[in-house]
Amino acid sequence: MADKVAYAVVDNNLRVCDMPAQLRPREEFERIGAENVSDAVLLALILRTGTTGINVVEVAQRLLSAFGSLTALAKASVKELQAINSIGPVKAQMIKAAMELAQRLTRESVGESPMVTTPEQAAAVLRERARVLQHEVFWALMLDTKNRLIGEPKQISQGTLNSSLVHPRELFKKAVEHSCAAMILAHNHPSGDPTPSSEDIKITKQLIGAGEVMGIKVLDHIVIGHRKHNNASDFLSLREAGLVQFG
């Protein structure tokens, strides 16, 4: 007969040093490695200490429970983090700093001048930027004649996408400044659903037309959402979906 497994119950009033060795964050990290510990353990290691009557593991668990996911935690402002019992200004700053480093690492891994020849590559450039946003942002990926990204993605506007926010004049002014040969448009849907709206399609057609006049190709428009919405992907390419005719 197989041995029965007993689940240990952690007393939240225990100090970490009084917890069983196998339940202490540092010991667990050393025993099974960073990639195998829980989100709560990683967060506890970042926070380092708990507060009066609450050990650091419980503080970490409360944070994850309050926000529901690491993505939501990364989106939270310092003020929102401090609204959680036992999270003061210092701990809130530590969490924001850790999340910002993770985003910068992801952006760095993309490369300084990556080749962008597919919708997936375009989405990869912006995915981590879009993940933590709670409002819509419209970007343009400026490309040279070899389809290499020229500098960072250029933010054109913020807010719900409409013709007053995304004006061809502002977009192509930046394109000319950077001497780009082509561009890929992109924006995020904070709701997580990357399905484009009728306004998204309308604006895309207007910008393609303006690009033809300027001699700058608009290659695609990427809408970035989240994987949690039961989609096969976290983004949608208007070109791949056949929703707009690109040059």
C-alpha atoms as a PDB file:
ATOM      1  CA  MET A   1       0.000   0.000   0.000  1.00  0.00           C
ATOM      2  CA  ALA A   2       1.311   3.402  -0.904  1.00  0.00           C
ATOM      3  CA  ASP A   3       2.333   5.677   1.942  1.00  0.00           C
ATOM      4  CA  LYS A   4      -0.217   8.313   2.841  1.00  0.00           C
ATOM      5  CA  VAL A   5       0.784  11.901   2.185  1.00  0.00           C
ATOM      6  CA  ALA A   6       0.247  14.388   4.993  1.00  0.00           C
ATOM      7  CA  TYR A   7      -0.096  18.068   4.206  1.00  0.00           C
ATOM      8  CA  ALA A   8       1.593  20.358   6.704  1.00  0.00           C
ATOM      9  CA  VAL A   9      -0.456  23.254   8.055  1.00  0.00           C
ATOM     10  CA  VAL A  10       1.579  26.426   8.546  1.00  0.00           C
ATOM     11  CA  ASP A  11       0.792  28.570  11.581  1.00  0.00           C
ATOM     12  CA  ASN A  12       0.744  32.114  10.227  1.00  0.00           C
ATOM     13  CA  ASN A  13       1.875  33.472  13.586  1.00  0.00           C
ATOM     14  CA  LEU A  14       5.113  31.502  13.393  1.00  0.00           C
ATOM     15  CA  ARG A  15       8.272  33.338  12.531  1.00  0.00           C
ATOM     16  CA  VAL A  16      10.043  31.895   9.496  1.00  0.00           C
ATOM     17  CA  CYS A  17      12.897  30.714  11.712  1.00  0.00           C
ATOM     18  CA  ASP A  18      10.371  28.700  13.769  1.00  0.00           C
ATOM     19  CA  MET A  19       8.829  27.002  10.742  1.00  0.00           C
ATOM     20  CA  PRO A  20       9.814  23.445   9.750  1.00  0.00           C
ATOM     21  CA  ALA A  21      13.014  23.625   7.694  1.00  0.00           C
ATOM     22  CA  GLN A  22      11.358  22.246   4.552  1.00  0.00           C
ATOM     23  CA  LEU A  23       8.790  25.083   4.614  1.00  0.00           C
ATOM     24  CA  ARG A  24      11.222  27.984   4.957  1.00  0.00           C
ATOM     25  CA  PRO A  25      11.595  29.946   1.705  1.00  0.00           C
ATOM     26  CA  ARG A  26      15.399  30.025   1.655  1.00  0.00           C
ATOM     27  CA  GLU A  27      15.774  26.340   2.465  1.00  0.00           C
ATOM     28  CA  GLU A  28      13.147  25.346  -0.088  1.00  0.00           C
ATOM     29  CA  PHE A  29      14.844  27.517  -2.722  1.00  0.00           C
ATOM     30  CA  GLU A  30      18.196  25.816  -2.055  1.00  0.00           C
ATOM     31  CA  ARG A  31      16.649  22.353  -1.954  1.00  0.00           C
ATOM     32  CA  ILE A  32      14.656  22.332  -5.203  1.00  0.00           C
ATOM     33  CA  GLY A  33      15.899  25.355  -7.144  1.00  0.00           C
ATOM     34  CA  ALA A  34      14.426  28.673  -8.275  1.00  0.00           C
ATOM     35  CA  GLU A  35      12.498  27.197 -11.197  1.00  0.00           C
ATOM     36  CA  ASN A  36      10.630  24.712  -8.988  1.00  0.00           C
ATOM     37  CA  VAL A  37       9.486  26.789  -6.018  1.00  0.00           C
ATOM     38  CA  SER A  38       6.059  28.412  -5.886  1.00  0.00           C
ATOM     39  CA  ASP A  39       5.267  32.024  -6.742  1.00  0.00           C
ATOM     40  CA  ALA A  40       4.648  32.619  -3.042  1.00  0.00           C
ATOM     41  CA  VAL A  41       8.138  31.435  -2.123  1.00  0.00           C
ATOM     42  CA  LEU A  42       9.787  33.651  -4.741  1.00  0.00           C
ATOM     43  CA  LEU A  43       7.750  36.622  -3.560  1.00  0.00           C
ATOM     44  CA  ALA A  44       8.604  35.849   0.076  1.00  0.00           C
ATOM     45  CA  LEU A  45      12.303  35.900  -0.782  1.00  0.00           C
ATOM     46  CA  ILE A  46      11.903  39.319  -2.393  1.00  0.00           C
ATOM     47  CA  LEU A  47      10.002  40.700   0.604  1.00  0.00           C
ATOM     48  CA  ARG A  48      12.505  39.135   3.075  1.00  0.00           C
ATOM     49  CA  THR A  49      10.475  39.789   6.233  1.00  0.00           C
ATOM     50  CA  GLY A  50       6.900  39.621   7.409  1.00  0.00           C
ATOM     51  CA  THR A  51       5.206  41.913   9.882  1.00  0.00           C
ATOM     52  CA  THR A  52       3.912  41.686  13.436  1.00  0.00           C
ATOM     53  CA  GLY A  53       1.995  38.435  13.809  1.00  0.00           C
ATOM     54  CA  ILE A  54       2.291  37.502  10.106  1.00  0.00           C
ATOM     55  CA  ASN A  55       5.258  35.659   8.635  1.00  0.00           C
ATOM     56  CA  VAL A  56       6.633  36.547   5.211  1.00  0.00           C
ATOM     57  CA  VAL A  57       5.155  33.467   3.513  1.00  0.00           C
ATOM     58  CA  GLU A  58       1.663  34.478   4.587  1.00  0.00           C
ATOM     59  CA  VAL A  59       2.306  38.056   3.430  1.00  0.00           C
ATOM     60  CA  ALA A  60       3.268  36.696  -0.008  1.00  0.00           C
ATOM     61  CA  GLN A  61       0.212  34.430  -0.124  1.00  0.00           C
ATOM     62  CA  ARG A  62      -2.076  37.337   0.793  1.00  0.00           C
ATOM     63  CA  LEU A  63      -0.657  39.418  -2.059  1.00  0.00           C
ATOM     64  CA  LEU A  64      -1.159  36.675  -4.633  1.00  0.00           C
ATOM     65  CA  SER A  65      -4.656  35.975  -3.354  1.00  0.00           C
ATOM     66  CA  ALA A  66      -5.605  39.667  -3.410  1.00  0.00           C
ATOM     67  CA  PHE A  67      -4.481  40.262  -6.995  1.00  0.00           C
ATOM     68  CA  GLY A  68      -5.193  36.798  -8.398  1.00  0.00           C
ATOM     69  CA  SER A  69      -2.145  36.459 -10.649  1.00  0.00           C
ATOM     70  CA  LEU A  70       1.403  37.668 -11.189  1.00  0.00           C
ATOM     71  CA  THR A  71       0.211  39.690 -14.175  1.00  0.00           C
ATOM     72  CA  ALA A  72      -2.319  41.553 -12.031  1.00  0.00           C
ATOM     73  CA  LEU A  73       0.322  42.023  -9.333  1.00  0.00           C
ATOM     74  CA  ALA A  74       2.703  43.531 -11.896  1.00  0.00           C
ATOM     75  CA  LYS A  75      -0.022  45.959 -13.005  1.00  0.00           C
ATOM     76  CA  ALA A  76      -0.690  47.183  -9.471  1.00  0.00           C
ATOM     77  CA  SER A  77       0.521  50.626  -8.475  1.00  0.00           C
ATOM     78  CA  VAL A  78       2.550  51.247  -5.323  1.00  0.00           C
ATOM     79  CA  LYS A  79      -0.595  52.731  -3.755  1.00  0.00           C
ATOM     80  CA  GLU A  80      -2.651  49.630  -4.621  1.00  0.00           C
ATOM     81  CA  LEU A  81       0.032  47.360  -3.175  1.00  0.00           C
ATOM     82  CA  GLN A  82       0.083  49.350   0.049  1.00  0.00           C
ATOM     83  CA  ALA A  83      -3.666  48.819   0.399  1.00  0.00           C
ATOM     84  CA  ILE A  84      -2.869  45.204   1.290  1.00  0.00           C
ATOM     85  CA  ASN A  85      -2.456  44.673   5.021  1.00  0.00           C
ATOM     86  CA  SER A  86       1.244  44.278   5.987  1.00  0.00           C
ATOM     87  CA  ILE A  87       2.545  45.953   2.783  1.00  0.00           C
ATOM     88  CA  GLY A  88       4.179  49.283   3.546  1.00  0.00           C
ATOM     89  CA  PRO A  89       5.929  51.696   1.169  1.00  0.00           C
ATOM     90  CA  VAL A  90       9.268  49.864   1.264  1.00  0.00           C
ATOM     91  CA  LYS A  91       7.788  46.449   0.458  1.00  0.00           C
ATOM     92  CA  ALA A  92       5.611  47.984  -2.271  1.00  0.00           C
ATOM     93  CA  GLN A  93       8.701  49.524  -3.869  1.00  0.00           C
ATOM     94  CA  MET A  94      10.563  46.213  -3.661  1.00  0.00           C
ATOM     95  CA  ILE A  95       7.740  44.442  -5.501  1.00  0.00           C
ATOM     96  CA  LYS A  96       7.526  47.128  -8.204  1.00  0.00           C
ATOM     97  CA  ALA A  97      11.309  47.045  -8.655  1.00  0.00           C
ATOM     98  CA  ALA A  98      11.318  43.256  -9.087  1.00  0.00           C
ATOM     99  CA  MET A  99       8.490  43.390 -11.625  1.00  0.00           C
ATOM    100  CA  GLU A 100      10.185  46.189 -13.571  1.00  0.00           C
ATOM    101  CA  LEU A 101      13.446  44.221 -13.741  1.00  0.00           C
ATOM    102  CA  ALA A 102      11.539  41.225 -15.139  1.00  0.00           C
ATOM    103  CA  GLN A 103      10.031  43.406 -17.873  1.00  0.00           C
ATOM    104  CA  ARG A 104      13.381  44.965 -18.737  1.00  0.00           C
ATOM    105  CA  LEU A 105      14.990  41.534 -18.969  1.00  0.00           C
ATOM    106  CA  THR A 106      12.314  40.404 -21.403  1.00  0.00           C
ATOM    107  CA  ARG A 107      12.769  43.534 -23.546  1.00  0.00           C
ATOM    108  CA  GLU A 108      16.543  43.045 -23.505  1.00  0.00           C
ATOM    109  CA  SER A 109      16.190  39.441 -24.658  1.00  0.00           C
ATOM    110  CA  VAL A 110      14.402  40.625 -27.788  1.00  0.00           C
ATOM    111  CA  GLY A 111      17.630  42.229 -28.949  1.00  0.00           C
ATOM    112  CA  GLU A 112      18.630  45.765 -29.874  1.00  0.00           C
ATOM    113  CA  SER A 113      17.724  45.535 -33.556  1.00  0.00           C
ATOM    114  CA  PRO A 114      15.708  42.342 -34.027  1.00  0.00           C
ATOM    115  CA  MET A 115      14.481  41.183 -37.396  1.00  0.00           C
ATOM    116  CA  VAL A 116      10.692  41.434 -37.525  1.00  0.00           C
ATOM    117  CA  THR A 117       9.286  39.359 -40.359  1.00  0.00           C
ATOM    118  CA  THR A 118       6.325  37.591 -38.734  1.00  0.00           C
ATOM    119  CA  PRO A 119       3.353  38.622 -36.567  1.00  0.00           C
ATOM    120  CA  GLU A 120       4.736  36.502 -33.696  1.00  0.00           C
ATOM    121  CA  GLN A 121       8.026  38.415 -33.775  1.00  0.00           C
ATOM    122  CA  ALA A 122       6.147  41.715 -33.728  1.00  0.00           C
ATOM    123  CA  ALA A 123       4.034  40.577 -30.777  1.00  0.00           C
ATOM    124  CA  ALA A 124       7.148  39.393 -28.920  1.00  0.00           C
ATOM    125  CA  VAL A 125       8.611  42.903 -29.054  1.00  0.00           C
ATOM    126  CA  LEU A 126       5.578  44.361 -27.271  1.00  0.00           C
ATOM    127  CA  ARG A 127       4.135  41.513 -25.216  1.00  0.00           C
ATOM    128  CA  GLU A 128       5.695  42.411 -21.860  1.00  0.00           C
ATOM    129  CA  ARG A 129       5.029  46.112 -22.290  1.00  0.00           C
ATOM    130  CA  ALA A 130       1.366  45.403 -23.000  1.00  0.00           C
ATOM    131  CA  ARG A 131       0.913  42.826 -20.245  1.00  0.00           C
ATOM    132  CA  VAL A 132       0.914  45.341 -17.383  1.00  0.00           C
ATOM    133  CA  LEU A 133      -1.099  48.126 -19.024  1.00  0.00           C
ATOM    134  CA  GLN A 134      -4.622  48.969 -17.904  1.00  0.00           C
ATOM    135  CA  HIS A 135      -5.309  51.340 -20.800  1.00  0.00           C
ATOM    136  CA  GLU A 136      -4.902  51.087 -24.566  1.00  0.00           C
ATOM    137  CA  VAL A 137      -1.615  52.181 -26.105  1.00  0.00           C
ATOM    138  CA  PHE A 138      -0.937  52.448 -29.829  1.00  0.00           C
ATOM    139  CA  TRP A 139       2.614  51.765 -31.063  1.00  0.00           C
ATOM    140  CA  ALA A 140       4.444  51.676 -34.355  1.00  0.00           C
ATOM    141  CA  LEU A 141       7.366  49.345 -35.013  1.00  0.00           C
ATOM    142  CA  MET A 142       9.627  51.243 -37.415  1.00  0.00           C
ATOM    143  CA  LEU A 143      11.575  48.974 -39.771  1.00  0.00           C
ATOM    144  CA  ASP A 144      14.504  49.503 -42.129  1.00  0.00           C
ATOM    145  CA  THR A 145      14.812  48.040 -45.628  1.00  0.00           C
ATOM    146  CA  LYS A 146      15.909  44.686 -44.128  1.00  0.00           C
ATOM    147  CA  ASN A 147      12.949  44.537 -41.743  1.00  0.00           C
ATOM    148  CA  ARG A 148      15.113  45.279 -38.705  1.00  0.00           C
ATOM    149  CA  LEU A 149      13.553  47.253 -35.876  1.00  0.00           C
ATOM    150  CA  ILE A 150      14.777  50.846 -35.715  1.00  0.00           C
ATOM    151  CA  GLY A 151      15.103  51.717 -32.015  1.00  0.00           C
ATOM    152  CA  GLU A 152      12.396  51.144 -29.449  1.00  0.00           C
ATOM    153  CA  PRO A 153       8.717  50.814 -30.456  1.00  0.00           C
ATOM    154  CA  LYS A 154       7.304  54.308 -30.852  1.00  0.00           C
ATOM    155  CA  GLN A 155       4.283  55.113 -28.696  1.00  0.00           C
ATOM    156  CA  ILE A 156       1.854  57.174 -30.764  1.00  0.00           C
ATOM    157  CA  SER A 157      -1.122  57.548 -28.435  1.00  0.00           C
ATOM    158  CA  GLN A 158      -2.919  56.357 -25.299  1.00  0.00           C
ATOM    159  CA  GLY A 159      -6.620  55.722 -24.844  1.00  0.00           C
ATOM    160  CA  THR A 160      -9.365  53.918 -26.726  1.00  0.00           C
ATOM    161  CA  LEU A 161      -8.358  53.705 -30.356  1.00  0.00           C
ATOM    162  CA  ASN A 162     -10.105  56.250 -32.591  1.00  0.00           C
ATOM    163  CA  SER A 163      -9.256  58.553 -35.455  1.00  0.00           C
ATOM    164  CA  SER A 164      -8.729  61.557 -33.175  1.00  0.00           C
ATOM    165  CA  LEU A 165      -6.064  59.716 -31.168  1.00  0.00           C
ATOM    166  CA  VAL A 166      -4.231  58.085 -34.068  1.00  0.00           C
ATOM    167  CA  HIS A 167      -3.763  60.755 -36.701  1.00  0.00           C
ATOM    168  CA  PRO A 168      -1.678  59.931 -39.799  1.00  0.00           C
ATOM    169  CA  ARG A 169       0.226  63.193 -39.371  1.00  0.00           C
ATOM    170  CA  GLU A 170       1.667  62.185 -35.978  1.00  0.00           C
ATOM    171  CA  LEU A 171       2.423  58.633 -37.037  1.00  0.00           C
ATOM    172  CA  PHE A 172       4.200  59.448 -40.283  1.00  0.00           C
ATOM    173  CA  LYS A 173       6.044  62.382 -38.750  1.00  0.00           C
ATOM    174  CA  LYS A 174       7.834  59.853 -36.538  1.00  0.00           C
ATOM    175  CA  ALA A 175       8.310  57.508 -39.504  1.00  0.00           C
ATOM    176  CA  VAL A 176      10.071  60.222 -41.502  1.00  0.00           C
ATOM    177  CA  GLU A 177      12.182  61.240 -38.478  1.00  0.00           C
ATOM    178  CA  HIS A 178      13.490  57.689 -38.224  1.00  0.00           C
ATOM    179  CA  SER A 179      13.866  57.170 -41.978  1.00  0.00           C
ATOM    180  CA  CYS A 180      11.891  53.945 -41.836  1.00  0.00           C
ATOM    181  CA  ALA A 181      11.025  51.965 -44.947  1.00  0.00           C
ATOM    182  CA  ALA A 182       8.039  50.164 -43.435  1.00  0.00           C
ATOM    183  CA  MET A 183       6.130  49.845 -40.189  1.00  0.00           C
ATOM    184  CA  ILE A 184       3.954  47.482 -38.210  1.00  0.00           C
ATOM    185  CA  LEU A 185       1.114  48.992 -36.211  1.00  0.00           C
ATOM    186  CA  ALA A 186       0.177  47.555 -32.840  1.00  0.00           C
ATOM    187  CA  HIS A 187      -2.034  48.238 -29.871  1.00  0.00           C
ATOM    188  CA  ASN A 188      -3.207  46.361 -26.797  1.00  0.00           C
ATOM    189  CA  HIS A 189      -6.632  45.402 -25.494  1.00  0.00           C
ATOM    190  CA  PRO A 190      -6.495  45.527 -21.661  1.00  0.00           C
ATOM    191  CA  SER A 191      -9.591  43.317 -21.565  1.00  0.00           C
ATOM    192  CA  GLY A 192      -7.373  40.505 -22.822  1.00  0.00           C
ATOM    193  CA  ASP A 193      -9.495  39.749 -25.898  1.00  0.00           C
ATOM    194  CA  PRO A 194      -7.421  40.566 -29.032  1.00  0.00           C
ATOM    195  CA  THR A 195     -10.457  40.612 -31.344  1.00  0.00           C
ATOM    196  CA  PRO A 196     -10.230  43.880 -33.331  1.00  0.00           C
ATOM    197  CA  SER A 197     -13.087  46.345 -33.290  1.00  0.00           C
ATOM    198  CA  SER A 198     -14.649  47.921 -36.372  1.00  0.00           C
ATOM    199  CA  GLU A 199     -12.793  51.115 -35.417  1.00  0.00           C
ATOM    200  CA  ASP A 200      -9.485  49.200 -35.351  1.00  0.00           C
ATOM    201  CA  ILE A 201     -10.119  48.030 -38.905  1.00  0.00           C
ATOM    202  CA  LYS A 202     -11.258  51.451 -40.093  1.00  0.00           C
ATOM    203  CA  ILE A 203      -8.178  53.231 -38.722  1.00  0.00           C
ATOM    204  CA  THR A 204      -5.865  50.576 -40.149  1.00  0.00           C
ATOM    205  CA  LYS A 205      -7.257  51.166 -43.643  1.00  0.00           C
ATOM    206  CA  GLN A 206      -6.798  54.935 -43.240  1.00  0.00           C
ATOM    207  CA  LEU A 207      -3.177  54.522 -42.172  1.00  0.00           C
ATOM    208  CA  ILE A 208      -2.402  52.107 -45.006  1.00  0.00           C
ATOM    209  CA  GLY A 209      -3.708  54.706 -47.437  1.00  0.00           C
ATOM    210  CA  ALA A 210      -1.610  57.448 -45.841  1.00  0.00           C
ATOM    211  CA  GLY A 211       1.450  55.188 -46.017  1.00  0.00           C
ATOM    212  CA  GLU A 212       0.937  54.669 -49.745  1.00  0.00           C
ATOM    213  CA  VAL A 213       0.983  58.442 -50.249  1.00  0.00           C
ATOM    214  CA  MET A 214       4.136  58.766 -48.118  1.00  0.00           C
ATOM    215  CA  GLY A 215       5.898  55.815 -49.740  1.00  0.00           C
ATOM    216  CA  ILE A 216       6.093  53.939 -46.405  1.00  0.00           C
ATOM    217  CA  LYS A 217       4.578  50.453 -46.280  1.00  0.00           C
ATOM    218  CA  VAL A 218       2.220  49.477 -43.466  1.00  0.00           C
ATOM    219  CA  LEU A 219       2.852  45.736 -43.213  1.00  0.00           C
ATOM    220  CA  ASP A 220       0.412  44.681 -40.486  1.00  0.00           C
ATOM    221  CA  HIS A 221      -1.565  45.697 -37.413  1.00  0.00           C
ATOM    222  CA  ILE A 222      -1.153  43.521 -34.312  1.00  0.00           C
ATOM    223  CA  VAL A 223      -3.720  43.523 -31.493  1.00  0.00           C
ATOM    224  CA  ILE A 224      -2.277  42.181 -28.239  1.00  0.00           C
ATOM    225  CA  GLY A 225      -4.424  40.569 -25.550  1.00  0.00           C
ATOM    226  CA  HIS A 226      -3.855  37.847 -22.936  1.00  0.00           C
ATOM    227  CA  ARG A 227      -3.718  34.063 -23.228  1.00  0.00           C
ATOM    228  CA  LYS A 228      -6.217  33.634 -20.376  1.00  0.00           C
ATOM    229  CA  HIS A 229      -9.159  34.295 -22.705  1.00  0.00           C
ATOM    230  CA  ASN A 230      -9.110  30.782 -24.168  1.00  0.00           C
ATOM    231  CA  ASN A 231      -7.535  32.006 -27.369  1.00  0.00           C
ATOM    232  CA  ALA A 232      -5.039  29.965 -29.341  1.00  0.00           C
ATOM    233  CA  SER A 233      -2.778  33.003 -29.140  1.00  0.00           C
ATOM    234  CA  ASP A 234      -2.529  36.190 -27.098  1.00  0.00           C
ATOM    235  CA  PHE A 235      -2.505  38.387 -30.196  1.00  0.00           C
ATOM    236  CA  LEU A 236      -4.237  38.763 -33.536  1.00  0.00           C
ATOM    237  CA  SER A 237      -2.713  39.880 -36.818  1.00  0.00           C
ATOM    238  CA  LEU A 238      -5.167  41.757 -39.013  1.00  0.00           C
ATOM    239  CA  ARG A 239      -3.109  40.660 -42.019  1.00  0.00           C
ATOM    240  CA  GLU A 240      -3.171  36.944 -41.109  1.00  0.00           C
ATOM    241  CA  ALA A 241      -6.876  37.140 -40.282  1.00  0.00           C
ATOM    242  CA  GLY A 242      -7.575  38.651 -43.720  1.00  0.00           C
ATOM    243  CA  LEU A 243      -9.493  41.528 -42.157  1.00  0.00           C
ATOM    244  CA  VAL A 244      -7.574  44.233 -44.029  1.00  0.00           C
ATOM    245  CA  GLN A 245      -5.805  44.276 -47.378  1.00  0.00           C
ATOM    246  CA  PHE A 246      -2.195  45.337 -46.840  1.00  0.00           C
ATOM    247  CA  GLY A 247       0.163  46.427 -49.608  1.00  0.00           C
END
